[in-house]
Amino acid sequence: MKKQAEVVVIGAGIMGASLAYFLAKHGKEVLVLEQNEICSGTSSSTAAWLWPTDKTPLHYGKLAWDGYNRYMTLAEELGADFELTITGGVEPLYTEEEVRAAEKTIQVAHSLGHPDVRIVSQKEVQEIEPILRHDILGAIVSPYEGHLNPFLLVNAYIQAAKRLGAEVSTYTKVENFVVKGNHIEEIVTNKGTVKPGLVICAAGIYSRKIGEMVGLDAHVKPERGFCLVSEKMPKILNNVIVGARQTVSGNIIFGFIADKVPMDCIDRRMYIRGLQWAAKDAVRDFPALQNINIIRSYTGIRCKPEDKFPIIGPTGKIDNFWFHLAHSAFAHNPVLSDYVAEMVAGERPYDSLPEYVYTRFDK
């Protein structure tokens, strides 16, 4: 591990890996510190949907759609296949309240140039996705949604960053910072110290702990998600459905986010309650699949910003410490990380994305 770097990125999940690549692409000397292995945290335990349609309000929808468009050329840019598969998407609507919310979602999609995102009736849903339960009011359907392999994508970013000169140090845990005034002089790790020019924390839910080391609130909260993985099956799902997707290899991943956990929770173990909960929801939504074999399950602690929007940029308190955090990071990372890299390179004003800057929490 080098002893100093122009930019030190903490975390090698989707946010840290994508940022490292774009920083290196913009000519920055980058060191990535990861406490475990690459893509071993929340990014390894995602359902990995590519789902721009449900992002509201308008500014957040635009970010997601811009990210979606960037994905169309990203494999070529990174020189790697990450199993991007566009199937279309179905979001079932169970209540009148969900129907009303869906109408706002449709308005955002239409205003951003996607008139083919629409609400359909229960009868039409059964024609589009017959495997889905029948007792619904309708659904949002879109031809754009898809899924990808998170391990392949994160590693593609890391390898591309390395080719551009970035260094990645795994099993390197940040233990403390040496701060003088409002400036970080050194990062203290289990492998020694590093002198950073700029520190960018992209450590997901662990950013709470990292922030506390320098007296900052990361403004994120944890939420446990559950996923079940089926045996390999012939193609059954025509689309990505909220709650399930079928991988390139044929496994169906059922994914649910619902468990509230203590603010300091980083426990990723699967508990019987969560397993029962996830299985019950899967059978409820896909009753025809109730007898398939589940070969494994996993959980992840999601990083949820307090107001749901990404948290990026300078903190206004420590002059060389930034955050780079988001939920639904697989949706928008190709543009959000590029934007932040442009900020670091002096090519974009810090306040060009006012809805996402860290300093919004000071108001």
Protein backbone atom coordinates (compact mmCIF):
# COMPACT_ATOMS: atom_id res chain seq x y z
CA MET A 1 0.00 0.00 0.00
CA LYS A 2 1.36 3.40 -0.98
CA LYS A 3 2.01 5.91 1.79
CA GLN A 4 0.33 8.88 0.15
CA ALA A 5 -2.21 9.52 -2.58
CA GLU A 6 -3.92 12.44 -4.25
CA VAL A 7 -7.36 10.91 -3.61
CA VAL A 8 -8.14 8.09 -1.17
CA VAL A 9 -11.48 6.34 -1.68
CA ILE A 10 -12.76 4.32 1.29
CA GLY A 11 -14.85 1.35 0.16
CA ALA A 12 -14.79 -0.94 -2.90
CA GLY A 13 -18.47 -1.56 -3.45
CA ILE A 14 -20.36 -0.10 -6.41
CA MET A 15 -20.03 3.51 -5.25
CA GLY A 16 -16.34 3.32 -4.39
CA ALA A 17 -15.36 1.21 -7.40
CA SER A 18 -17.19 3.40 -9.92
CA LEU A 19 -15.79 6.55 -8.34
CA ALA A 20 -12.25 5.15 -8.41
CA TYR A 21 -12.60 4.45 -12.12
CA PHE A 22 -13.93 7.87 -13.03
CA LEU A 23 -11.36 9.64 -10.85
CA ALA A 24 -8.57 7.72 -12.56
CA LYS A 25 -10.14 8.49 -15.92
CA HIS A 26 -9.98 12.18 -15.01
CA GLY A 27 -6.27 11.82 -14.33
CA LYS A 28 -6.30 11.56 -10.54
CA GLU A 29 -3.90 9.42 -8.51
CA VAL A 30 -6.26 7.10 -6.65
CA LEU A 31 -5.87 4.72 -3.73
CA VAL A 32 -8.85 2.56 -2.73
CA LEU A 33 -8.99 1.17 0.81
CA GLU A 34 -11.34 -1.79 1.35
CA GLN A 35 -11.67 -3.50 4.72
CA ASN A 36 -12.58 -6.87 3.20
CA GLU A 37 -12.67 -8.08 -0.40
CA ILE A 38 -13.89 -6.16 -3.44
CA CYS A 39 -17.70 -6.16 -3.63
CA SER A 40 -18.05 -7.89 -0.27
CA GLY A 41 -20.50 -5.55 1.49
CA THR A 42 -23.96 -4.33 0.51
CA SER A 43 -23.09 -4.45 -3.20
CA SER A 44 -22.65 -8.21 -2.91
CA SER A 45 -26.10 -8.71 -1.40
CA THR A 46 -28.29 -6.73 -3.75
CA ALA A 47 -31.00 -7.95 -6.08
CA ALA A 48 -29.15 -5.89 -8.75
CA TRP A 49 -32.14 -4.51 -10.59
CA LEU A 50 -31.68 -1.73 -13.11
CA TRP A 51 -34.90 0.16 -12.45
CA PRO A 52 -35.04 3.84 -13.47
CA THR A 53 -38.83 4.12 -13.73
CA ASP A 54 -39.69 4.38 -10.04
CA LYS A 55 -37.33 7.23 -9.18
CA THR A 56 -39.16 10.43 -8.23
CA PRO A 57 -39.28 13.44 -8.09
CA LEU A 58 -38.08 14.82 -11.40
CA HIS A 59 -34.44 15.52 -10.45
CA TYR A 60 -34.00 11.98 -9.07
CA GLY A 61 -35.75 10.46 -12.05
CA LYS A 62 -33.43 12.31 -14.40
CA LEU A 63 -30.38 11.02 -12.52
CA ALA A 64 -31.64 7.44 -12.83
CA TRP A 65 -32.52 7.75 -16.51
CA ASP A 66 -29.16 9.36 -17.28
CA GLY A 67 -27.53 6.45 -15.48
CA TYR A 68 -29.61 4.00 -17.50
CA ASN A 69 -28.53 5.59 -20.77
CA ARG A 70 -24.88 5.45 -19.71
CA TYR A 71 -25.23 1.72 -19.06
CA MET A 72 -25.93 1.14 -22.74
CA THR A 73 -22.26 1.79 -23.56
CA LEU A 74 -20.64 1.00 -20.21
CA ALA A 75 -19.59 -2.59 -20.96
CA GLU A 76 -17.68 -1.39 -24.01
CA GLU A 77 -16.15 1.46 -22.00
CA LEU A 78 -14.97 -0.86 -19.22
CA GLY A 79 -13.98 -3.65 -21.57
CA ALA A 80 -15.98 -6.24 -19.64
CA ASP A 81 -19.30 -8.05 -19.76
CA PHE A 82 -21.35 -7.69 -16.57
CA GLU A 83 -24.44 -9.55 -17.83
CA LEU A 84 -26.57 -6.46 -18.40
CA THR A 85 -29.96 -7.80 -19.49
CA ILE A 86 -32.86 -5.54 -20.45
CA THR A 87 -36.14 -7.39 -20.05
CA GLY A 88 -38.70 -4.74 -19.19
CA GLY A 89 -40.24 -4.32 -15.78
CA VAL A 90 -43.51 -4.85 -13.94
CA GLU A 91 -44.34 -3.13 -10.66
CA PRO A 92 -47.57 -4.60 -9.24
CA LEU A 93 -50.07 -2.25 -7.62
CA TYR A 94 -52.04 -3.66 -4.73
CA THR A 95 -53.86 -0.66 -3.25
CA GLU A 96 -55.56 2.53 -4.41
CA GLU A 97 -52.81 4.48 -2.65
CA GLU A 98 -50.19 2.69 -4.75
CA VAL A 99 -52.18 3.47 -7.90
CA ARG A 100 -52.21 7.18 -7.02
CA ALA A 101 -48.46 7.13 -6.35
CA ALA A 102 -47.93 5.30 -9.64
CA GLU A 103 -49.63 8.10 -11.52
CA LYS A 104 -46.96 10.51 -10.24
CA THR A 105 -44.26 8.05 -11.26
CA ILE A 106 -45.71 7.89 -14.76
CA GLN A 107 -45.76 11.69 -14.99
CA VAL A 108 -42.03 11.84 -14.23
CA ALA A 109 -41.21 9.14 -16.80
CA HIS A 110 -43.30 10.86 -19.47
CA SER A 111 -41.76 14.27 -18.76
CA LEU A 112 -38.32 12.72 -19.24
CA GLY A 113 -39.24 11.35 -22.66
CA HIS A 114 -40.55 7.86 -21.92
CA PRO A 115 -44.24 7.77 -22.92
CA ASP A 116 -44.18 3.97 -23.20
CA VAL A 117 -44.02 3.64 -19.40
CA ARG A 118 -47.65 3.11 -18.47
CA ILE A 119 -50.17 1.76 -15.98
CA VAL A 120 -52.05 -1.31 -17.15
CA SER A 121 -55.06 -3.22 -15.81
CA GLN A 122 -55.00 -6.47 -13.88
CA LYS A 123 -56.04 -8.34 -17.02
CA GLU A 124 -53.18 -6.88 -19.03
CA VAL A 125 -50.71 -7.75 -16.27
CA GLN A 126 -51.71 -11.41 -16.52
CA GLU A 127 -51.02 -11.35 -20.25
CA ILE A 128 -47.62 -9.73 -19.73
CA GLU A 129 -46.52 -11.75 -16.69
CA PRO A 130 -48.84 -14.73 -16.08
CA ILE A 131 -46.74 -16.10 -13.23
CA LEU A 132 -47.65 -13.13 -11.01
CA ARG A 133 -50.49 -13.34 -8.46
CA HIS A 134 -53.89 -12.31 -9.84
CA ASP A 135 -55.38 -10.25 -6.99
CA ILE A 136 -53.83 -6.92 -7.95
CA LEU A 137 -55.32 -3.67 -9.22
CA GLY A 138 -52.85 -3.27 -12.05
CA ALA A 139 -49.17 -2.50 -12.56
CA ILE A 140 -46.64 -0.07 -13.91
CA VAL A 141 -45.05 -1.65 -16.95
CA SER A 142 -41.95 -0.42 -18.72
CA PRO A 143 -39.81 -1.79 -21.54
CA TYR A 144 -36.62 -0.41 -19.98
CA GLU A 145 -35.98 -2.27 -16.74
CA GLY A 146 -33.36 -4.96 -16.43
CA HIS A 147 -30.71 -6.51 -14.23
CA LEU A 148 -26.99 -7.15 -14.07
CA ASN A 149 -24.33 -9.13 -12.22
CA PRO A 150 -23.07 -6.91 -9.37
CA PHE A 151 -19.84 -8.84 -8.84
CA LEU A 152 -18.87 -8.56 -12.50
CA LEU A 153 -19.71 -4.85 -12.66
CA VAL A 154 -17.86 -3.83 -9.49
CA ASN A 155 -14.81 -5.85 -10.51
CA ALA A 156 -14.97 -4.38 -14.03
CA TYR A 157 -14.77 -0.90 -12.54
CA ILE A 158 -11.86 -1.91 -10.31
CA GLN A 159 -9.89 -3.51 -13.13
CA ALA A 160 -10.49 -0.52 -15.39
CA ALA A 161 -9.36 1.82 -12.59
CA LYS A 162 -6.19 -0.23 -12.11
CA ARG A 163 -5.40 -0.03 -15.81
CA LEU A 164 -5.54 3.75 -15.43
CA GLY A 165 -3.11 3.67 -12.50
CA ALA A 166 -5.33 3.32 -9.43
CA GLU A 167 -4.14 1.17 -6.54
CA VAL A 168 -6.54 -1.01 -4.55
CA SER A 169 -5.63 -2.24 -1.07
CA THR A 170 -7.99 -4.94 0.21
CA TYR A 171 -8.23 -6.13 3.82
CA THR A 172 -7.22 -2.62 4.80
CA LYS A 173 -9.38 -1.27 7.60
CA VAL A 174 -9.53 2.43 8.40
CA GLU A 175 -9.03 2.69 12.17
CA ASN A 176 -8.72 6.42 12.71
CA PHE A 177 -7.66 9.77 11.27
CA VAL A 178 -5.04 12.27 12.32
CA VAL A 179 -6.81 15.61 12.07
CA LYS A 180 -5.21 19.01 12.55
CA GLY A 181 -7.62 21.90 12.60
CA ASN A 182 -10.17 20.99 9.93
CA HIS A 183 -7.76 18.98 7.77
CA ILE A 184 -6.99 15.24 7.67
CA GLU A 185 -3.22 14.79 7.82
CA GLU A 186 -3.16 11.00 7.89
CA ILE A 187 -5.42 7.98 7.61
CA VAL A 188 -4.55 5.30 10.16
CA THR A 189 -5.16 1.73 8.92
CA ASN A 190 -4.28 -1.76 10.09
CA LYS A 191 -1.53 -1.72 7.45
CA GLY A 192 -0.01 1.63 8.35
CA THR A 193 -0.73 5.27 7.61
CA VAL A 194 -1.55 7.13 4.41
CA LYS A 195 -1.21 10.85 3.72
CA PRO A 196 -4.23 11.85 1.60
CA GLY A 197 -4.83 14.89 -0.51
CA LEU A 198 -8.57 14.22 -0.47
CA VAL A 199 -10.54 11.51 1.36
CA ILE A 200 -13.85 10.33 -0.13
CA CYS A 201 -15.90 7.98 2.02
CA ALA A 202 -17.90 5.54 -0.13
CA ALA A 203 -18.20 2.89 2.57
CA GLY A 204 -21.97 2.49 2.54
CA ILE A 205 -23.45 1.84 5.96
CA TYR A 206 -19.93 1.72 7.44
CA SER A 207 -19.75 5.43 6.60
CA ARG A 208 -21.55 6.09 9.87
CA LYS A 209 -18.49 4.82 11.75
CA ILE A 210 -16.03 6.53 9.40
CA GLY A 211 -17.85 9.83 9.75
CA GLU A 212 -17.85 9.60 13.54
CA MET A 213 -14.05 9.36 13.48
CA VAL A 214 -13.91 12.93 12.15
CA GLY A 215 -16.96 14.23 14.00
CA LEU A 216 -19.42 14.00 11.10
CA ASP A 217 -22.88 12.52 10.75
CA ALA A 218 -23.16 10.50 7.53
CA HIS A 219 -26.96 10.99 7.54
CA VAL A 220 -27.63 7.39 6.54
CA LYS A 221 -29.56 4.65 8.31
CA PRO A 222 -29.41 0.86 7.96
CA GLU A 223 -32.15 -1.39 6.65
CA ARG A 224 -31.87 -5.14 6.26
CA GLY A 225 -32.81 -6.72 2.95
CA PHE A 226 -33.50 -10.40 2.34
CA CYS A 227 -32.88 -12.40 -0.83
CA LEU A 228 -33.75 -15.98 -1.73
CA VAL A 229 -32.11 -17.79 -4.66
CA SER A 230 -33.90 -20.61 -6.46
CA GLU A 231 -32.55 -23.59 -8.32
CA LYS A 232 -31.80 -23.02 -12.01
CA MET A 233 -34.98 -23.07 -14.06
CA PRO A 234 -36.13 -22.60 -17.66
CA LYS A 235 -37.12 -19.04 -18.47
CA ILE A 236 -40.25 -18.29 -16.43
CA LEU A 237 -40.17 -14.55 -15.80
CA ASN A 238 -40.58 -12.37 -18.86
CA ASN A 239 -39.64 -9.20 -16.99
CA VAL A 240 -37.95 -7.96 -13.88
CA ILE A 241 -40.77 -7.78 -11.34
CA VAL A 242 -40.62 -5.79 -8.12
CA GLY A 243 -39.70 -8.66 -5.83
CA ALA A 244 -38.05 -11.02 -8.34
CA ARG A 245 -35.75 -11.38 -11.31
CA GLN A 246 -34.38 -14.33 -13.24
CA THR A 247 -30.63 -14.36 -13.81
CA VAL A 248 -28.80 -15.17 -17.02
CA SER A 249 -28.05 -18.63 -15.59
CA GLY A 250 -31.73 -19.29 -14.79
CA ASN A 251 -31.87 -18.80 -11.02
CA ILE A 252 -34.69 -16.63 -9.69
CA ILE A 253 -33.68 -14.10 -7.05
CA PHE A 254 -36.51 -13.02 -4.79
CA GLY A 255 -35.60 -9.78 -3.04
CA PHE A 256 -37.30 -7.86 -0.25
CA ILE A 257 -36.31 -4.86 1.87
CA ALA A 258 -38.41 -4.47 4.93
CA ASP A 259 -36.60 -5.09 8.20
CA LYS A 260 -35.96 -2.12 10.45
CA VAL A 261 -32.77 -2.52 12.46
CA PRO A 262 -30.89 -0.52 15.12
CA MET A 263 -28.92 2.45 13.82
CA ASP A 264 -25.58 0.76 14.59
CA CYS A 265 -26.52 -2.56 12.94
CA ILE A 266 -24.04 -4.18 10.55
CA ASP A 267 -25.24 -7.75 11.19
CA ARG A 268 -25.68 -9.57 7.86
CA ARG A 269 -26.68 -12.96 9.24
CA MET A 270 -29.91 -14.53 8.01
CA TYR A 271 -32.35 -15.14 10.85
CA ILE A 272 -35.21 -17.62 10.72
CA ARG A 273 -37.71 -14.76 11.03
CA GLY A 274 -36.29 -13.10 7.93
CA LEU A 275 -36.18 -16.36 6.02
CA GLN A 276 -39.82 -17.06 6.85
CA TRP A 277 -40.79 -13.50 5.97
CA ALA A 278 -39.06 -13.61 2.58
CA ALA A 279 -40.46 -17.05 1.73
CA LYS A 280 -43.99 -16.01 2.69
CA ASP A 281 -43.79 -12.92 0.49
CA ALA A 282 -42.39 -14.92 -2.43
CA VAL A 283 -45.20 -17.49 -2.23
CA ARG A 284 -47.81 -14.73 -1.88
CA ASP A 285 -46.60 -12.90 -5.00
CA PHE A 286 -45.73 -15.97 -7.10
CA PRO A 287 -48.03 -18.77 -5.90
CA ALA A 288 -47.28 -20.97 -8.91
CA LEU A 289 -43.64 -21.17 -7.76
CA GLN A 290 -44.32 -22.30 -4.20
CA ASN A 291 -42.81 -25.76 -4.74
CA ILE A 292 -39.52 -24.74 -6.35
CA ASN A 293 -36.28 -25.40 -4.47
CA ILE A 294 -34.45 -22.54 -2.77
CA ILE A 295 -30.73 -23.27 -2.81
CA ARG A 296 -29.48 -20.38 -0.69
CA SER A 297 -30.41 -17.13 0.99
CA TYR A 298 -28.54 -13.99 1.96
CA THR A 299 -29.07 -10.64 3.59
CA GLY A 300 -27.56 -7.20 3.25
CA ILE A 301 -27.62 -4.05 5.32
CA ARG A 302 -28.71 -1.32 2.94
CA CYS A 303 -27.42 2.24 3.20
CA LYS A 304 -30.49 4.49 3.23
CA PRO A 305 -29.92 8.28 3.20
CA GLU A 306 -32.24 10.10 5.59
CA ASP A 307 -34.15 11.78 2.74
CA LYS A 308 -33.59 8.89 0.25
CA PHE A 309 -31.37 10.94 -2.08
CA PRO A 310 -27.63 10.46 -2.72
CA ILE A 311 -25.15 12.23 -0.44
CA ILE A 312 -22.09 13.58 -2.24
CA GLY A 313 -19.35 16.15 -2.06
CA PRO A 314 -17.63 18.31 0.54
CA THR A 315 -18.88 18.35 4.11
CA GLY A 316 -18.10 21.99 4.83
CA LYS A 317 -16.43 20.93 8.09
CA ILE A 318 -13.34 18.88 7.22
CA ASP A 319 -11.81 20.54 4.18
CA ASN A 320 -10.48 17.35 2.58
CA PHE A 321 -13.22 14.86 3.48
CA TRP A 322 -16.18 14.08 1.18
CA PHE A 323 -19.00 11.56 1.25
CA HIS A 324 -20.18 9.50 -1.73
CA LEU A 325 -23.25 7.53 -0.60
CA ALA A 326 -26.52 6.33 -2.10
CA HIS A 327 -29.29 3.79 -2.02
CA SER A 328 -30.24 2.23 -5.40
CA ALA A 329 -26.63 2.88 -6.37
CA PHE A 330 -26.70 0.38 -9.22
CA ALA A 331 -29.26 2.60 -10.96
CA HIS A 332 -27.29 5.81 -11.23
CA ASN A 333 -23.61 5.17 -10.42
CA PRO A 334 -22.34 5.57 -14.01
CA VAL A 335 -23.33 9.23 -14.01
CA LEU A 336 -23.25 10.18 -10.33
CA SER A 337 -19.69 8.93 -9.84
CA ASP A 338 -18.61 10.63 -13.04
CA TYR A 339 -20.16 13.91 -11.85
CA VAL A 340 -18.29 13.69 -8.54
CA ALA A 341 -15.04 12.91 -10.35
CA GLU A 342 -15.63 16.05 -12.42
CA MET A 343 -16.07 18.02 -9.19
CA VAL A 344 -12.77 16.69 -7.85
CA ALA A 345 -11.07 17.54 -11.14
CA GLY A 346 -12.44 21.10 -11.04
CA GLU A 347 -14.59 20.52 -14.11
CA ARG A 348 -17.96 20.83 -12.36
CA PRO A 349 -19.08 23.19 -9.55
CA TYR A 350 -19.66 21.57 -6.15
CA ASP A 351 -23.19 22.95 -6.05
CA SER A 352 -24.21 21.75 -9.52
CA LEU A 353 -26.32 18.99 -7.93
CA PRO A 354 -27.86 20.88 -4.99
CA GLU A 355 -30.36 18.13 -4.13
CA TYR A 356 -27.51 15.72 -3.34
CA VAL A 357 -24.76 17.76 -1.67
CA TYR A 358 -23.93 16.85 1.93
CA THR A 359 -24.32 20.43 3.11
CA ARG A 360 -28.10 20.30 2.50
CA PHE A 361 -28.38 18.76 5.96
CA ASP A 362 -26.99 21.96 7.51
CA LYS A 363 -30.05 23.96 6.45
